PDB file of N, CA and C in Angstrom:
ATOM      1  N   MET A   1      -9.713  -3.772  20.329  1.00  0.00           N
ATOM      2  CA  MET A   1     -10.172  -2.819  19.345  1.00  0.00           C
ATOM      3  C   MET A   1     -11.605  -3.188  18.965  1.00  0.00           C
ATOM      4  N   THR A   2     -12.442  -2.193  18.947  1.00  0.00           N
ATOM      5  CA  THR A   2     -13.843  -2.438  18.620  1.00  0.00           C
ATOM      6  C   THR A   2     -14.041  -2.493  17.111  1.00  0.00           C
ATOM      7  N   PHE A   3     -15.183  -3.019  16.733  1.00  0.00           N
ATOM      8  CA  PHE A   3     -15.511  -3.132  15.311  1.00  0.00           C
ATOM      9  C   PHE A   3     -15.524  -1.764  14.646  1.00  0.00           C
ATOM     10  N   ASN A   4     -16.070  -0.759  15.326  1.00  0.00           N
ATOM     11  CA  ASN A   4     -16.115   0.592  14.750  1.00  0.00           C
ATOM     12  C   ASN A   4     -14.719   1.147  14.515  1.00  0.00           C
ATOM     13  N   ASN A   5     -13.789   0.860  15.417  1.00  0.00           N
ATOM     14  CA  ASN A   5     -12.407   1.321  15.222  1.00  0.00           C
ATOM     15  C   ASN A   5     -11.778   0.669  14.001  1.00  0.00           C
ATOM     16  N   VAL A   6     -12.015  -0.622  13.837  1.00  0.00           N
ATOM     17  CA  VAL A   6     -11.464  -1.337  12.681  1.00  0.00           C
ATOM     18  C   VAL A   6     -12.020  -0.762  11.384  1.00  0.00           C
ATOM     19  N   VAL A   7     -13.320  -0.521  11.360  1.00  0.00           N
ATOM     20  CA  VAL A   7     -13.953   0.036  10.160  1.00  0.00           C
ATOM     21  C   VAL A   7     -13.438   1.441   9.884  1.00  0.00           C
ATOM     22  N   ASP A   8     -13.298   2.264  10.921  1.00  0.00           N
ATOM     23  CA  ASP A   8     -12.783   3.626  10.737  1.00  0.00           C
ATOM     24  C   ASP A   8     -11.356   3.613  10.192  1.00  0.00           C
ATOM     25  N   ARG A   9     -10.529   2.711  10.709  1.00  0.00           N
ATOM     26  CA  ARG A   9      -9.159   2.610  10.219  1.00  0.00           C
ATOM     27  C   ARG A   9      -9.131   2.207   8.746  1.00  0.00           C
ATOM     28  N   GLN A  10      -9.970   1.238   8.380  1.00  0.00           N
ATOM     29  CA  GLN A  10     -10.017   0.790   6.989  1.00  0.00           C
ATOM     30  C   GLN A  10     -10.515   1.910   6.066  1.00  0.00           C
ATOM     31  N   ILE A  11     -11.478   2.675   6.518  1.00  0.00           N
ATOM     32  CA  ILE A  11     -11.989   3.787   5.707  1.00  0.00           C
ATOM     33  C   ILE A  11     -10.914   4.843   5.511  1.00  0.00           C
ATOM     34  N   ARG A  12     -10.212   5.205   6.590  1.00  0.00           N
ATOM     35  CA  ARG A  12      -9.141   6.205   6.483  1.00  0.00           C
ATOM     36  C   ARG A  12      -8.033   5.725   5.562  1.00  0.00           C
ATOM     37  N   LEU A  13      -7.656   4.445   5.682  1.00  0.00           N
ATOM     38  CA  LEU A  13      -6.608   3.894   4.832  1.00  0.00           C
ATOM     39  C   LEU A  13      -7.058   3.823   3.378  1.00  0.00           C
ATOM     40  N   SER A  14      -8.274   3.392   3.144  1.00  0.00           N
ATOM     41  CA  SER A  14      -8.800   3.328   1.773  1.00  0.00           C
ATOM     42  C   SER A  14      -8.864   4.703   1.139  1.00  0.00           C
ATOM     43  N   ASP A  15      -9.298   5.701   1.884  1.00  0.00           N
ATOM     44  CA  ASP A  15      -9.325   7.076   1.365  1.00  0.00           C
ATOM     45  C   ASP A  15      -7.926   7.547   0.995  1.00  0.00           C
ATOM     46  N   TRP A  16      -6.950   7.240   1.845  1.00  0.00           N
ATOM     47  CA  TRP A  16      -5.576   7.648   1.569  1.00  0.00           C
ATOM     48  C   TRP A  16      -5.066   6.961   0.301  1.00  0.00           C
ATOM     49  N   ILE A  17      -5.365   5.677   0.142  1.00  0.00           N
ATOM     50  CA  ILE A  17      -4.923   4.935  -1.039  1.00  0.00           C
ATOM     51  C   ILE A  17      -5.551   5.522  -2.300  1.00  0.00           C
ATOM     52  N   TYR A  18      -6.857   5.798  -2.267  1.00  0.00           N
ATOM     53  CA  TYR A  18      -7.537   6.385  -3.432  1.00  0.00           C
ATOM     54  C   TYR A  18      -6.916   7.719  -3.830  1.00  0.00           C
ATOM     55  N   LYS A  19      -6.508   8.520  -2.849  1.00  0.00           N
ATOM     56  CA  LYS A  19      -5.973   9.851  -3.133  1.00  0.00           C
ATOM     57  C   LYS A  19      -4.524   9.829  -3.603  1.00  0.00           C
ATOM     58  N   ASN A  20      -3.743   8.834  -3.173  1.00  0.00           N
ATOM     59  CA  ASN A  20      -2.302   8.896  -3.384  1.00  0.00           C
ATOM     60  C   ASN A  20      -1.706   7.830  -4.297  1.00  0.00           C
ATOM     61  N   LEU A  21      -2.379   6.725  -4.514  1.00  0.00           N
ATOM     62  CA  LEU A  21      -1.806   5.649  -5.325  1.00  0.00           C
ATOM     63  C   LEU A  21      -2.620   5.438  -6.598  1.00  0.00           C
ATOM     64  N   LYS A  22      -1.913   5.208  -7.670  1.00  0.00           N
ATOM     65  CA  LYS A  22      -2.554   4.965  -8.960  1.00  0.00           C
ATOM     66  C   LYS A  22      -2.237   3.543  -9.421  1.00  0.00           C
ATOM     67  N   PRO A  23      -3.207   2.848 -10.033  1.00  0.00           N
ATOM     68  CA  PRO A  23      -2.942   1.489 -10.519  1.00  0.00           C
ATOM     69  C   PRO A  23      -2.287   1.498 -11.898  1.00  0.00           C
ATOM     70  N   THR A  24      -1.637   0.390 -12.215  1.00  0.00           N
ATOM     71  CA  THR A  24      -1.112   0.171 -13.553  1.00  0.00           C
ATOM     72  C   THR A  24      -1.893  -0.982 -14.173  1.00  0.00           C
ATOM     73  N   LYS A  25      -1.696  -1.182 -15.459  1.00  0.00           N
ATOM     74  CA  LYS A  25      -2.417  -2.264 -16.136  1.00  0.00           C
ATOM     75  C   LYS A  25      -1.717  -3.605 -15.992  1.00  0.00           C
ATOM     76  N   MET A  26      -0.433  -3.594 -15.667  1.00  0.00           N
ATOM     77  CA  MET A  26       0.307  -4.847 -15.561  1.00  0.00           C
ATOM     78  C   MET A  26       1.132  -4.860 -14.274  1.00  0.00           C
ATOM     79  N   ILE A  27       1.564  -6.047 -13.899  1.00  0.00           N
ATOM     80  CA  ILE A  27       2.399  -6.223 -12.713  1.00  0.00           C
ATOM     81  C   ILE A  27       3.725  -6.812 -13.164  1.00  0.00           C
ATOM     82  N   ARG A  28       4.816  -6.199 -12.718  1.00  0.00           N
ATOM     83  CA  ARG A  28       6.138  -6.706 -13.053  1.00  0.00           C
ATOM     84  C   ARG A  28       6.889  -7.031 -11.769  1.00  0.00           C
ATOM     85  N   ALA A  29       7.864  -7.908 -11.857  1.00  0.00           N
ATOM     86  CA  ALA A  29       8.601  -8.363 -10.681  1.00  0.00           C
ATOM     87  C   ALA A  29       9.416  -7.243 -10.033  1.00  0.00           C
ATOM     88  N   ASP A  30       9.748  -6.196 -10.795  1.00  0.00           N
ATOM     89  CA  ASP A  30      10.556  -5.116 -10.223  1.00  0.00           C
ATOM     90  C   ASP A  30       9.706  -4.007  -9.600  1.00  0.00           C
ATOM     91  N   PHE A  31       8.414  -4.223  -9.478  1.00  0.00           N
ATOM     92  CA  PHE A  31       7.559  -3.259  -8.789  1.00  0.00           C
ATOM     93  C   PHE A  31       7.812  -3.324  -7.289  1.00  0.00           C
ATOM     94  N   TYR A  32       7.320  -2.338  -6.572  1.00  0.00           N
ATOM     95  CA  TYR A  32       7.429  -2.328  -5.119  1.00  0.00           C
ATOM     96  C   TYR A  32       6.599  -3.471  -4.536  1.00  0.00           C
ATOM     97  N   ASN A  33       7.122  -4.122  -3.493  1.00  0.00           N
ATOM     98  CA  ASN A  33       6.325  -5.159  -2.843  1.00  0.00           C
ATOM     99  C   ASN A  33       5.539  -4.545  -1.686  1.00  0.00           C
ATOM    100  N   SER A  34       4.708  -5.338  -1.062  1.00  0.00           N
ATOM    101  CA  SER A  34       3.787  -4.810  -0.057  1.00  0.00           C
ATOM    102  C   SER A  34       4.503  -4.238   1.162  1.00  0.00           C
ATOM    103  N   PHE A  35       5.652  -4.782   1.537  1.00  0.00           N
ATOM    104  CA  PHE A  35       6.379  -4.228   2.678  1.00  0.00           C
ATOM    105  C   PHE A  35       7.011  -2.885   2.333  1.00  0.00           C
ATOM    106  N   GLN A  36       7.479  -2.717   1.109  1.00  0.00           N
ATOM    107  CA  GLN A  36       8.024  -1.431   0.689  1.00  0.00           C
ATOM    108  C   GLN A  36       6.925  -0.368   0.629  1.00  0.00           C
ATOM    109  N   ILE A  37       5.755  -0.751   0.145  1.00  0.00           N
ATOM    110  CA  ILE A  37       4.626   0.178   0.119  1.00  0.00           C
ATOM    111  C   ILE A  37       4.219   0.533   1.542  1.00  0.00           C
ATOM    112  N   LEU A  38       4.243  -0.446   2.433  1.00  0.00           N
ATOM    113  CA  LEU A  38       3.877  -0.208   3.830  1.00  0.00           C
ATOM    114  C   LEU A  38       4.798   0.816   4.475  1.00  0.00           C
ATOM    115  N   GLU A  39       6.092   0.762   4.183  1.00  0.00           N
ATOM    116  CA  GLU A  39       7.027   1.751   4.728  1.00  0.00           C
ATOM    117  C   GLU A  39       6.645   3.169   4.307  1.00  0.00           C
ATOM    118  N   ILE A  40       6.242   3.326   3.063  1.00  0.00           N
ATOM    119  CA  ILE A  40       5.851   4.646   2.568  1.00  0.00           C
ATOM    120  C   ILE A  40       4.548   5.087   3.222  1.00  0.00           C
ATOM    121  N   VAL A  41       3.583   4.184   3.319  1.00  0.00           N
ATOM    122  CA  VAL A  41       2.283   4.517   3.910  1.00  0.00           C
ATOM    123  C   VAL A  41       2.438   4.886   5.383  1.00  0.00           C
ATOM    124  N   ARG A  42       3.331   4.207   6.092  1.00  0.00           N
ATOM    125  CA  ARG A  42       3.505   4.479   7.531  1.00  0.00           C
ATOM    126  C   ARG A  42       4.066   5.857   7.823  1.00  0.00           C
ATOM    127  N   GLU A  43       4.653   6.503   6.836  1.00  0.00           N
ATOM    128  CA  GLU A  43       5.091   7.886   7.036  1.00  0.00           C
ATOM    129  C   GLU A  43       3.885   8.810   7.223  1.00  0.00           C
ATOM    130  N   TYR A  44       2.765   8.443   6.649  1.00  0.00           N
ATOM    131  CA  TYR A  44       1.555   9.258   6.718  1.00  0.00           C
ATOM    132  C   TYR A  44       0.534   8.700   7.711  1.00  0.00           C
ATOM    133  N   LEU A  45       0.451   7.372   7.796  1.00  0.00           N
ATOM    134  CA  LEU A  45      -0.483   6.701   8.701  1.00  0.00           C
ATOM    135  C   LEU A  45       0.310   5.671   9.506  1.00  0.00           C
ATOM    136  N   PRO A  46       0.933   6.078  10.618  1.00  0.00           N
ATOM    137  CA  PRO A  46       1.864   5.192  11.338  1.00  0.00           C
ATOM    138  C   PRO A  46       1.225   3.965  11.986  1.00  0.00           C
ATOM    139  N   TRP A  47      -0.058   3.923  12.125  1.00  0.00           N
ATOM    140  CA  TRP A  47      -0.745   2.822  12.791  1.00  0.00           C
ATOM    141  C   TRP A  47      -1.079   1.659  11.863  1.00  0.00           C
ATOM    142  N   VAL A  48      -0.822   1.770  10.579  1.00  0.00           N
ATOM    143  CA  VAL A  48      -1.227   0.756   9.596  1.00  0.00           C
ATOM    144  C   VAL A  48      -0.399  -0.515   9.758  1.00  0.00           C
ATOM    145  N   THR A  49      -1.068  -1.667   9.730  1.00  0.00           N
ATOM    146  CA  THR A  49      -0.377  -2.957   9.742  1.00  0.00           C
ATOM    147  C   THR A  49      -0.316  -3.513   8.324  1.00  0.00           C
ATOM    148  N   HIS A  50       0.512  -4.520   8.150  1.00  0.00           N
ATOM    149  CA  HIS A  50       0.677  -5.130   6.829  1.00  0.00           C
ATOM    150  C   HIS A  50      -0.628  -5.768   6.349  1.00  0.00           C
ATOM    151  N   GLU A  51      -1.328  -6.460   7.222  1.00  0.00           N
ATOM    152  CA  GLU A  51      -2.592  -7.096   6.852  1.00  0.00           C
ATOM    153  C   GLU A  51      -3.649  -6.061   6.480  1.00  0.00           C
ATOM    154  N   GLU A  52      -3.708  -4.964   7.231  1.00  0.00           N
ATOM    155  CA  GLU A  52      -4.670  -3.901   6.897  1.00  0.00           C
ATOM    156  C   GLU A  52      -4.371  -3.325   5.528  1.00  0.00           C
ATOM    157  N   LEU A  53      -3.091  -3.144   5.231  1.00  0.00           N
ATOM    158  CA  LEU A  53      -2.716  -2.593   3.924  1.00  0.00           C
ATOM    159  C   LEU A  53      -3.130  -3.535   2.803  1.00  0.00           C
ATOM    160  N   LYS A  54      -2.845  -4.831   2.944  1.00  0.00           N
ATOM    161  CA  LYS A  54      -3.208  -5.786   1.890  1.00  0.00           C
ATOM    162  C   LYS A  54      -4.719  -5.815   1.663  1.00  0.00           C
ATOM    163  N   GLN A  55      -5.493  -5.780   2.738  1.00  0.00           N
ATOM    164  CA  GLN A  55      -6.947  -5.795   2.605  1.00  0.00           C
ATOM    165  C   GLN A  55      -7.453  -4.518   1.944  1.00  0.00           C
ATOM    166  N   ALA A  56      -6.907  -3.379   2.348  1.00  0.00           N
ATOM    167  CA  ALA A  56      -7.350  -2.108   1.786  1.00  0.00           C
ATOM    168  C   ALA A  56      -6.966  -1.987   0.307  1.00  0.00           C
ATOM    169  N   MET A  57      -5.785  -2.478  -0.047  1.00  0.00           N
ATOM    170  CA  MET A  57      -5.374  -2.427  -1.450  1.00  0.00           C
ATOM    171  C   MET A  57      -6.328  -3.244  -2.309  1.00  0.00           C
ATOM    172  N   ALA A  58      -6.709  -4.419  -1.834  1.00  0.00           N
ATOM    173  CA  ALA A  58      -7.658  -5.247  -2.580  1.00  0.00           C
ATOM    174  C   ALA A  58      -9.011  -4.555  -2.659  1.00  0.00           C
ATOM    175  N   ARG A  59      -9.441  -3.936  -1.589  1.00  0.00           N
ATOM    176  CA  ARG A  59     -10.727  -3.240  -1.569  1.00  0.00           C
ATOM    177  C   ARG A  59     -10.726  -2.048  -2.529  1.00  0.00           C
ATOM    178  N   CYS A  60      -9.560  -1.438  -2.718  1.00  0.00           N
ATOM    179  CA  CYS A  60      -9.462  -0.270  -3.602  1.00  0.00           C
ATOM    180  C   CYS A  60      -9.230  -0.653  -5.062  1.00  0.00           C
ATOM    181  N   GLY A  61      -9.213  -1.941  -5.358  1.00  0.00           N
ATOM    182  CA  GLY A  61      -9.132  -2.369  -6.745  1.00  0.00           C
ATOM    183  C   GLY A  61      -7.749  -2.677  -7.252  1.00  0.00           C
ATOM    184  N   PHE A  62      -6.755  -2.744  -6.381  1.00  0.00           N
ATOM    185  CA  PHE A  62      -5.407  -3.103  -6.808  1.00  0.00           C
ATOM    186  C   PHE A  62      -5.281  -4.615  -6.826  1.00  0.00           C
ATOM    187  N   TYR A  63      -4.583  -5.123  -7.815  1.00  0.00           N
ATOM    188  CA  TYR A  63      -4.381  -6.559  -7.953  1.00  0.00           C
ATOM    189  C   TYR A  63      -3.028  -6.935  -7.369  1.00  0.00           C
ATOM    190  N   ALA A  64      -2.927  -8.160  -6.870  1.00  0.00           N
ATOM    191  CA  ALA A  64      -1.681  -8.623  -6.268  1.00  0.00           C
ATOM    192  C   ALA A  64      -1.152  -9.824  -7.025  1.00  0.00           C
ATOM    193  N   ASP A  65       0.159  -9.889  -7.109  1.00  0.00           N
ATOM    194  CA  ASP A  65       0.834 -11.030  -7.704  1.00  0.00           C
ATOM    195  C   ASP A  65       1.792 -11.581  -6.661  1.00  0.00           C
ATOM    196  N   PHE A  66       1.634 -12.840  -6.332  1.00  0.00           N
ATOM    197  CA  PHE A  66       2.500 -13.425  -5.319  1.00  0.00           C
ATOM    198  C   PHE A  66       3.226 -14.654  -5.851  1.00  0.00           C
ATOM    199  N   THR A  67       3.418 -14.723  -7.138  1.00  0.00           N
ATOM    200  CA  THR A  67       4.117 -15.868  -7.723  1.00  0.00           C
ATOM    201  C   THR A  67       5.615 -15.829  -7.425  1.00  0.00           C
ATOM    202  N   TYR A  68       6.141 -14.676  -7.037  1.00  0.00           N
ATOM    203  CA  TYR A  68       7.572 -14.537  -6.801  1.00  0.00           C
ATOM    204  C   TYR A  68       7.962 -14.794  -5.350  1.00  0.00           C
ATOM    205  N   TYR A  69       6.993 -15.105  -4.495  1.00  0.00           N
ATOM    206  CA  TYR A  69       7.279 -15.150  -3.064  1.00  0.00           C
ATOM    207  C   TYR A  69       6.935 -16.481  -2.434  1.00  0.00           C
ATOM    208  N   ASP A  70       6.977 -16.528  -1.118  1.00  0.00           N
ATOM    209  CA  ASP A  70       6.855 -17.753  -0.334  1.00  0.00           C
ATOM    210  C   ASP A  70       5.455 -18.360  -0.386  1.00  0.00           C
ATOM    211  N   ASP A  71       5.332 -19.540   0.205  1.00  0.00           N
ATOM    212  CA  ASP A  71       4.064 -20.274   0.178  1.00  0.00           C
ATOM    213  C   ASP A  71       2.978 -19.630   1.025  1.00  0.00           C
ATOM    214  N   GLU A  72       3.365 -18.854   2.029  1.00  0.00           N
ATOM    215  CA  GLU A  72       2.360 -18.209   2.880  1.00  0.00           C
ATOM    216  C   GLU A  72       1.787 -16.938   2.247  1.00  0.00           C
ATOM    217  N   HIS A  73       2.363 -16.480   1.158  1.00  0.00           N
ATOM    218  CA  HIS A  73       1.914 -15.271   0.455  1.00  0.00           C
ATOM    219  C   HIS A  73       1.930 -14.063   1.377  1.00  0.00           C
ATOM    220  N   SER A  74       2.964 -13.971   2.206  1.00  0.00           N
ATOM    221  CA  SER A  74       3.026 -12.851   3.131  1.00  0.00           C
ATOM    222  C   SER A  74       3.422 -11.558   2.430  1.00  0.00           C
ATOM    223  N   THR A  75       4.241 -11.648   1.391  1.00  0.00           N
ATOM    224  CA  THR A  75       4.654 -10.473   0.641  1.00  0.00           C
ATOM    225  C   THR A  75       4.048 -10.534  -0.747  1.00  0.00           C
ATOM    226  N   LEU A  76       3.439  -9.443  -1.165  1.00  0.00           N
ATOM    227  CA  LEU A  76       2.773  -9.381  -2.461  1.00  0.00           C
ATOM    228  C   LEU A  76       3.330  -8.239  -3.291  1.00  0.00           C
ATOM    229  N   ILE A  77       3.203  -8.353  -4.590  1.00  0.00           N
ATOM    230  CA  ILE A  77       3.498  -7.238  -5.488  1.00  0.00           C
ATOM    231  C   ILE A  77       2.169  -6.738  -6.010  1.00  0.00           C
ATOM    232  N   PHE A  78       1.899  -5.447  -5.821  1.00  0.00           N
ATOM    233  CA  PHE A  78       0.651  -4.848  -6.286  1.00  0.00           C
ATOM    234  C   PHE A  78       0.893  -4.072  -7.571  1.00  0.00           C
ATOM    235  N   ASN A  79      -0.168  -3.860  -8.306  1.00  0.00           N
ATOM    236  CA  ASN A  79      -0.076  -3.091  -9.552  1.00  0.00           C
ATOM    237  C   ASN A  79      -0.158  -1.595  -9.263  1.00  0.00           C
ATOM    238  N   VAL A  80       0.742  -1.121  -8.410  1.00  0.00           N
ATOM    239  CA  VAL A  80       0.807   0.294  -8.047  1.00  0.00           C
ATOM    240  C   VAL A  80       1.808   0.978  -8.964  1.00  0.00           C
ATOM    241  N   SER A  81       1.438   2.109  -9.467  1.00  0.00           N
ATOM    242  CA  SER A  81       2.317   2.894 -10.324  1.00  0.00           C
ATOM    243  C   SER A  81       3.553   3.335  -9.532  1.00  0.00           C
ATOM    244  N   ARG A  82       4.712   3.049 -10.082  1.00  0.00           N
ATOM    245  CA  ARG A  82       5.952   3.485  -9.416  1.00  0.00           C
ATOM    246  C   ARG A  82       6.025   5.004  -9.354  1.00  0.00           C
ATOM    247  N   LYS A  83       5.455   5.658 -10.336  1.00  0.00           N
ATOM    248  CA  LYS A  83       5.481   7.119 -10.354  1.00  0.00           C
ATOM    249  C   LYS A  83       4.739   7.697  -9.155  1.00  0.00           C
ATOM    250  N   SER A  84       3.607   7.100  -8.784  1.00  0.00           N
ATOM    251  CA  SER A  84       2.870   7.611  -7.626  1.00  0.00           C
ATOM    252  C   SER A  84       3.647   7.369  -6.335  1.00  0.00           C
ATOM    253  N   LEU A  85       4.367   6.249  -6.248  1.00  0.00           N
ATOM    254  CA  LEU A  85       5.183   5.992  -5.060  1.00  0.00           C
ATOM    255  C   LEU A  85       6.405   6.901  -5.020  1.00  0.00           C
ATOM    256  N   TRP A  86       7.009   7.151  -6.161  1.00  0.00           N
ATOM    257  CA  TRP A  86       8.150   8.070  -6.212  1.00  0.00           C
ATOM    258  C   TRP A  86       7.727   9.469  -5.779  1.00  0.00           C
ATOM    259  N   ARG A  87       6.533   9.887  -6.192  1.00  0.00           N
ATOM    260  CA  ARG A  87       6.026  11.198  -5.808  1.00  0.00           C
ATOM    261  C   ARG A  87       5.888  11.284  -4.276  1.00  0.00           C
ATOM    262  N   LEU A  88       5.380  10.239  -3.658  1.00  0.00           N
ATOM    263  CA  LEU A  88       5.242  10.220  -2.205  1.00  0.00           C
ATOM    264  C   LEU A  88       6.610  10.229  -1.518  1.00  0.00           C
ATOM    265  N   GLU A  89       7.563   9.485  -2.059  1.00  0.00           N
ATOM    266  CA  GLU A  89       8.908   9.470  -1.480  1.00  0.00           C
ATOM    267  C   GLU A  89       9.572  10.836  -1.586  1.00  0.00           C
ATOM    268  N   ARG A  90       9.391  11.514  -2.727  1.00  0.00           N
ATOM    269  CA  ARG A  90       9.940  12.860  -2.880  1.00  0.00           C
ATOM    270  C   ARG A  90       9.321  13.818  -1.875  1.00  0.00           C
ATOM    271  N   ARG A  91       8.019  13.703  -1.684  1.00  0.00           N
ATOM    272  CA  ARG A  91       7.321  14.549  -0.728  1.00  0.00           C
ATOM    273  C   ARG A  91       7.849  14.300   0.682  1.00  0.00           C
ATOM    274  N   GLN A  92       8.105  13.042   1.032  1.00  0.00           N
ATOM    275  CA  GLN A  92       8.654  12.713   2.337  1.00  0.00           C
ATOM    276  C   GLN A  92      10.046  13.308   2.514  1.00  0.00           C
ATOM    277  N   ASN A  93      10.872  13.189   1.476  1.00  0.00           N
ATOM    278  CA  ASN A  93      12.228  13.742   1.559  1.00  0.00           C
ATOM    279  C   ASN A  93      12.203  15.252   1.690  1.00  0.00           C
ATOM    280  N   ASN A  94      11.301  15.925   0.999  1.00  0.00           N
ATOM    281  CA  ASN A  94      11.194  17.376   1.106  1.00  0.00           C
ATOM    282  C   ASN A  94      10.698  17.793   2.482  1.00  0.00           C
ATOM    283  N   ASP A  95       9.823  17.003   3.088  1.00  0.00           N
ATOM    284  CA  ASP A  95       9.332  17.324   4.422  1.00  0.00           C
ATOM    285  C   ASP A  95      10.417  17.168   5.474  1.00  0.00           C
ATOM    286  N   ARG A  96      11.366  16.267   5.250  1.00  0.00           N
ATOM    287  CA  ARG A  96      12.439  16.041   6.219  1.00  0.00           C
ATOM    288  C   ARG A  96      13.494  17.128   6.178  1.00  0.00           C
ATOM    289  N   ILE A  97      13.584  17.841   5.070  1.00  0.00           N
ATOM    290  CA  ILE A  97      14.639  18.872   4.921  1.00  0.00           C
ATOM    291  C   ILE A  97      14.315  20.094   5.695  1.00  0.00           C
TER     292      ILE A  97
END
């Protein structure tokens, strides 16, 4: 993959995040983790990897909390509004019907 492809993918992912996800002021342990968010994002952008998502979320101003997880910090909890994720899940379910 060339550098331009990587940059284009990050721009497309960042644009999608800005349009569809809203931040919250606090992070709680019962929020969606990064793998759950990735499942939702892959319905719209199937090529996204977990690392690309974590980088794009940080670039878009979302904060991560990894105190609840392993030493490698592979799974993170972001300050993403559950309401914005629920809206995307509802949209996915309506599209499948």
